[in-house]
Amino acid sequence: ATLNDRLGERILALEASRHDLGGIRFCWLALGSEGRHEQTFASDQDNAIVFEAEGPADAVRARLLPFAAAVNATLDACGFPLCKGDIMARNPKWCLAAAEWRMRFGEWIRNPLPEALLNANIFFDFRPLWGDVALAGHLRAWLGSVTRDDQRFLRMMAQNALQSRPPLGFFGAVRTSGEGAEGGTIDLKAQGTRIFTDAGLVWAEAGCSMC
């Protein structure tokens, strides 16, 4: 994960020098497994941008999107595949002003439907990778303040975490899955680390001192 960070930071610096970003305060966010420092050698991209907009956010977003698309393309060329779900900074849905992120997060917290819980599992594990890290810090502080006492949201997150199960059969033997070339394998992310990270996210959003 640290190697991936250094590569990402270098790509961001190079691409930033090729685009007109003067006067824009923004921060590139790592999400999901990258946000948790859990990336492996085979990992796709999950990233976003938070920026400051004193006026219309669309004008700032229009300047950032070409830069974001170039970074995503270069990361892909360096061996980090594009996210199949397009959870990347080049997507206007994930290149948002700080106020827009607060609104988006607030919607997921108030209406914790399955899609919102899935998004929370990916986006709430954000961390700053490059740029104005204070923007990410302020967003993190706000998020912690609104989730800490929201028992309904935390309960739904806990129920979602309980859907993950270790790959064990009735008698405790390891149960494999997959077909064809992937037959007889175990998905260590979905059936291994996710069990712990989903639980950890609930503790973190609850503001537990254990985290």
Protein backbone atom coordinates (compact mmCIF):
# COMPACT_ATOMS: atom_id res chain seq x y z
CA ALA A 1 0.00 0.00 0.00
CA THR A 2 2.86 2.39 0.77
CA LEU A 3 4.47 1.65 -2.60
CA ASN A 4 1.14 2.32 -4.28
CA ASP A 5 0.85 5.61 -2.38
CA ARG A 6 4.26 6.80 -3.54
CA LEU A 7 3.47 5.92 -7.14
CA GLY A 8 0.09 7.64 -6.93
CA GLU A 9 1.59 10.78 -5.41
CA ARG A 10 4.18 10.99 -8.20
CA ILE A 11 1.52 10.57 -10.89
CA LEU A 12 -0.67 13.22 -9.26
CA ALA A 13 2.22 15.69 -9.12
CA LEU A 14 3.16 15.09 -12.77
CA GLU A 15 -0.40 15.41 -14.04
CA ALA A 16 -1.07 18.49 -11.90
CA SER A 17 1.84 20.23 -13.63
CA ARG A 18 0.16 19.58 -16.98
CA HIS A 19 -3.22 21.06 -16.08
CA ASP A 20 -4.43 24.52 -15.12
CA LEU A 21 -5.28 24.04 -11.45
CA GLY A 22 -4.03 27.37 -10.14
CA GLY A 23 -6.10 28.81 -7.30
CA ILE A 24 -8.03 25.58 -6.60
CA ARG A 25 -7.90 24.02 -3.15
CA PHE A 26 -8.50 20.31 -3.51
CA CYS A 27 -7.45 16.97 -2.11
CA TRP A 28 -7.20 13.59 -3.83
CA LEU A 29 -8.84 10.93 -1.66
CA ALA A 30 -8.00 7.24 -1.47
CA LEU A 31 -11.07 5.10 -0.80
CA GLY A 32 -11.96 1.56 0.23
CA SER A 33 -9.05 -0.86 0.61
CA GLU A 34 -6.56 1.80 -0.48
CA GLY A 35 -8.00 4.15 2.11
CA ARG A 36 -7.41 1.46 4.75
CA HIS A 37 -3.85 0.73 3.53
CA GLU A 38 -5.03 -2.74 2.50
CA GLN A 39 -4.17 -2.68 -1.18
CA THR A 40 -2.48 -5.76 -2.61
CA PHE A 41 -0.61 -6.30 -5.86
CA ALA A 42 -3.91 -6.95 -7.66
CA SER A 43 -6.15 -4.00 -6.85
CA ASP A 44 -8.27 -1.65 -8.92
CA GLN A 45 -8.76 2.06 -8.33
CA ASP A 46 -11.11 3.66 -5.80
CA ASN A 47 -10.56 7.40 -5.49
CA ALA A 48 -12.32 10.75 -5.33
CA ILE A 49 -11.70 14.49 -5.00
CA VAL A 50 -12.89 16.99 -2.42
CA PHE A 51 -12.44 20.66 -3.27
CA GLU A 52 -13.30 24.09 -1.94
CA ALA A 53 -15.80 26.18 -3.89
CA GLU A 54 -16.76 29.65 -2.76
CA GLY A 55 -18.93 30.09 -5.83
CA PRO A 56 -20.63 27.59 -8.19
CA ALA A 57 -19.06 24.17 -7.71
CA ASP A 58 -19.61 23.22 -11.36
CA ALA A 59 -17.03 25.74 -12.56
CA VAL A 60 -14.32 24.30 -10.30
CA ARG A 61 -15.36 20.73 -11.10
CA ALA A 62 -15.03 21.41 -14.83
CA ARG A 63 -11.38 22.34 -14.31
CA LEU A 64 -10.63 19.33 -12.13
CA LEU A 65 -12.26 16.58 -14.20
CA PRO A 66 -9.72 16.56 -17.09
CA PHE A 67 -6.93 16.32 -14.52
CA ALA A 68 -8.72 13.50 -12.70
CA ALA A 69 -9.32 11.59 -15.94
CA ALA A 70 -5.62 11.87 -16.81
CA VAL A 71 -4.59 10.57 -13.38
CA ASN A 72 -7.01 7.63 -13.61
CA ALA A 73 -5.72 6.77 -17.08
CA THR A 74 -2.08 6.94 -15.98
CA LEU A 75 -2.76 4.78 -12.92
CA ASP A 76 -4.40 2.27 -15.25
CA ALA A 77 -1.32 2.30 -17.50
CA CYS A 78 0.84 1.64 -14.43
CA GLY A 79 -1.11 -1.49 -13.51
CA PHE A 80 -4.02 -0.25 -11.41
CA PRO A 81 -7.15 -1.17 -13.43
CA LEU A 82 -10.02 1.26 -13.78
CA CYS A 83 -12.82 0.61 -11.30
CA LYS A 84 -15.64 -1.32 -13.01
CA GLY A 85 -18.15 0.63 -10.95
CA ASP A 86 -16.49 3.94 -11.99
CA ILE A 87 -15.78 4.92 -8.38
CA MET A 88 -13.03 7.24 -9.49
CA ALA A 89 -12.30 10.94 -9.36
CA ARG A 90 -12.94 11.32 -13.11
CA ASN A 91 -16.65 10.62 -12.41
CA PRO A 92 -18.45 13.93 -11.67
CA LYS A 93 -20.41 12.10 -8.95
CA TRP A 94 -17.19 11.66 -6.96
CA CYS A 95 -15.50 14.99 -7.68
CA LEU A 96 -17.38 17.19 -5.23
CA ALA A 97 -17.07 20.34 -3.18
CA ALA A 98 -16.84 19.84 0.58
CA ALA A 99 -20.44 21.00 1.01
CA GLU A 100 -21.57 18.52 -1.65
CA TRP A 101 -19.76 15.66 0.12
CA ARG A 102 -21.48 16.56 3.38
CA MET A 103 -24.82 16.51 1.59
CA ARG A 104 -24.06 13.16 -0.10
CA PHE A 105 -22.86 11.55 3.13
CA GLY A 106 -25.87 12.95 4.96
CA GLU A 107 -28.25 11.34 2.48
CA TRP A 108 -26.60 7.93 2.96
CA ILE A 109 -26.78 8.27 6.75
CA ARG A 110 -30.42 9.40 6.81
CA ASN A 111 -31.53 6.74 4.31
CA PRO A 112 -29.34 3.67 4.95
CA LEU A 113 -30.67 1.56 2.09
CA PRO A 114 -28.51 -1.30 0.70
CA GLU A 115 -26.86 0.91 -1.93
CA ALA A 116 -26.17 3.62 0.64
CA LEU A 117 -24.59 1.08 3.02
CA LEU A 118 -22.41 -0.22 0.20
CA ASN A 119 -21.30 3.32 -0.59
CA ALA A 120 -20.63 3.98 3.09
CA ASN A 121 -18.37 0.93 3.24
CA ILE A 122 -16.33 2.31 0.35
CA PHE A 123 -16.37 6.07 0.85
CA PHE A 124 -16.31 6.41 4.64
CA ASP A 125 -12.84 4.84 4.70
CA PHE A 126 -11.38 7.80 2.81
CA ARG A 127 -8.00 9.32 3.55
CA PRO A 128 -6.04 12.15 1.92
CA LEU A 129 -3.39 11.10 -0.56
CA TRP A 130 -2.32 14.33 -2.23
CA GLY A 131 -3.26 18.00 -2.12
CA ASP A 132 -4.80 20.12 0.64
CA VAL A 133 -5.14 17.51 3.39
CA ALA A 134 -7.01 19.98 5.64
CA LEU A 135 -10.08 19.59 3.41
CA ALA A 136 -10.12 15.85 4.10
CA GLY A 137 -9.51 16.45 7.79
CA HIS A 138 -12.48 18.79 8.09
CA LEU A 139 -14.70 16.32 6.22
CA ARG A 140 -13.56 13.49 8.51
CA ALA A 141 -14.31 15.55 11.62
CA TRP A 142 -17.78 16.42 10.33
CA LEU A 143 -18.54 12.79 9.43
CA GLY A 144 -17.52 11.56 12.86
CA SER A 145 -19.74 14.13 14.55
CA VAL A 146 -22.89 13.06 12.66
CA THR A 147 -22.46 9.26 12.78
CA ARG A 148 -21.34 8.92 16.39
CA ASP A 149 -24.83 9.25 17.90
CA ASP A 150 -26.95 8.01 14.99
CA GLN A 151 -28.01 4.67 16.45
CA ARG A 152 -30.25 3.77 13.50
CA PHE A 153 -27.44 4.16 10.98
CA LEU A 154 -24.94 2.31 13.18
CA ARG A 155 -27.40 -0.56 13.66
CA MET A 156 -27.91 -0.86 9.90
CA MET A 157 -24.14 -0.84 9.37
CA ALA A 158 -23.76 -3.59 11.97
CA GLN A 159 -26.46 -5.69 10.31
CA ASN A 160 -24.71 -5.21 6.98
CA ALA A 161 -21.40 -6.32 8.53
CA LEU A 162 -23.04 -9.51 9.78
CA GLN A 163 -23.72 -10.55 6.18
CA SER A 164 -20.02 -11.39 5.79
CA ARG A 165 -19.16 -14.97 6.67
CA PRO A 166 -15.85 -16.85 6.83
CA PRO A 167 -15.46 -19.64 4.23
CA LEU A 168 -16.17 -22.47 6.68
CA GLY A 169 -18.37 -25.50 6.17
CA PHE A 170 -20.69 -27.18 8.71
CA PHE A 171 -17.86 -29.11 10.38
CA GLY A 172 -15.41 -26.20 10.31
CA ALA A 173 -13.57 -27.20 7.15
CA VAL A 174 -12.51 -24.48 4.72
CA ARG A 175 -15.04 -24.19 1.90
CA THR A 176 -13.75 -23.10 -1.50
CA SER A 177 -15.68 -21.56 -4.38
CA GLY A 178 -15.19 -20.30 -7.93
CA GLU A 179 -15.51 -21.89 -11.33
CA GLY A 180 -13.12 -22.81 -14.14
CA ALA A 181 -9.61 -21.52 -13.58
CA GLU A 182 -10.74 -19.98 -10.27
CA GLY A 183 -12.29 -23.19 -9.00
CA GLY A 184 -11.25 -24.33 -5.55
CA THR A 185 -10.20 -20.86 -4.45
CA ILE A 186 -11.04 -18.50 -1.59
CA ASP A 187 -11.75 -14.79 -1.97
CA LEU A 188 -9.56 -13.48 0.84
CA LYS A 189 -11.04 -9.98 0.54
CA ALA A 190 -14.76 -10.83 0.53
CA GLN A 191 -14.48 -13.81 2.91
CA GLY A 192 -11.45 -12.76 4.91
CA THR A 193 -10.46 -9.16 5.52
CA ARG A 194 -13.97 -7.78 4.90
CA ILE A 195 -15.24 -9.54 8.02
CA PHE A 196 -12.86 -7.46 10.11
CA THR A 197 -12.97 -4.19 8.17
CA ASP A 198 -16.78 -4.01 8.16
CA ALA A 199 -16.83 -4.49 11.93
CA GLY A 200 -14.01 -1.99 12.34
CA LEU A 201 -15.91 0.60 10.34
CA VAL A 202 -18.90 0.34 12.68
CA TRP A 203 -16.67 0.82 15.72
CA ALA A 204 -14.91 3.76 14.07
CA GLU A 205 -18.11 5.55 13.05
CA ALA A 206 -19.43 5.05 16.57
CA GLY A 207 -16.38 6.91 17.87
CA CYS A 208 -15.25 3.90 19.92
CA SER A 209 -12.00 4.46 21.82
CA MET A 210 -10.90 0.96 20.77
CA CYS A 211 -10.28 2.28 17.24
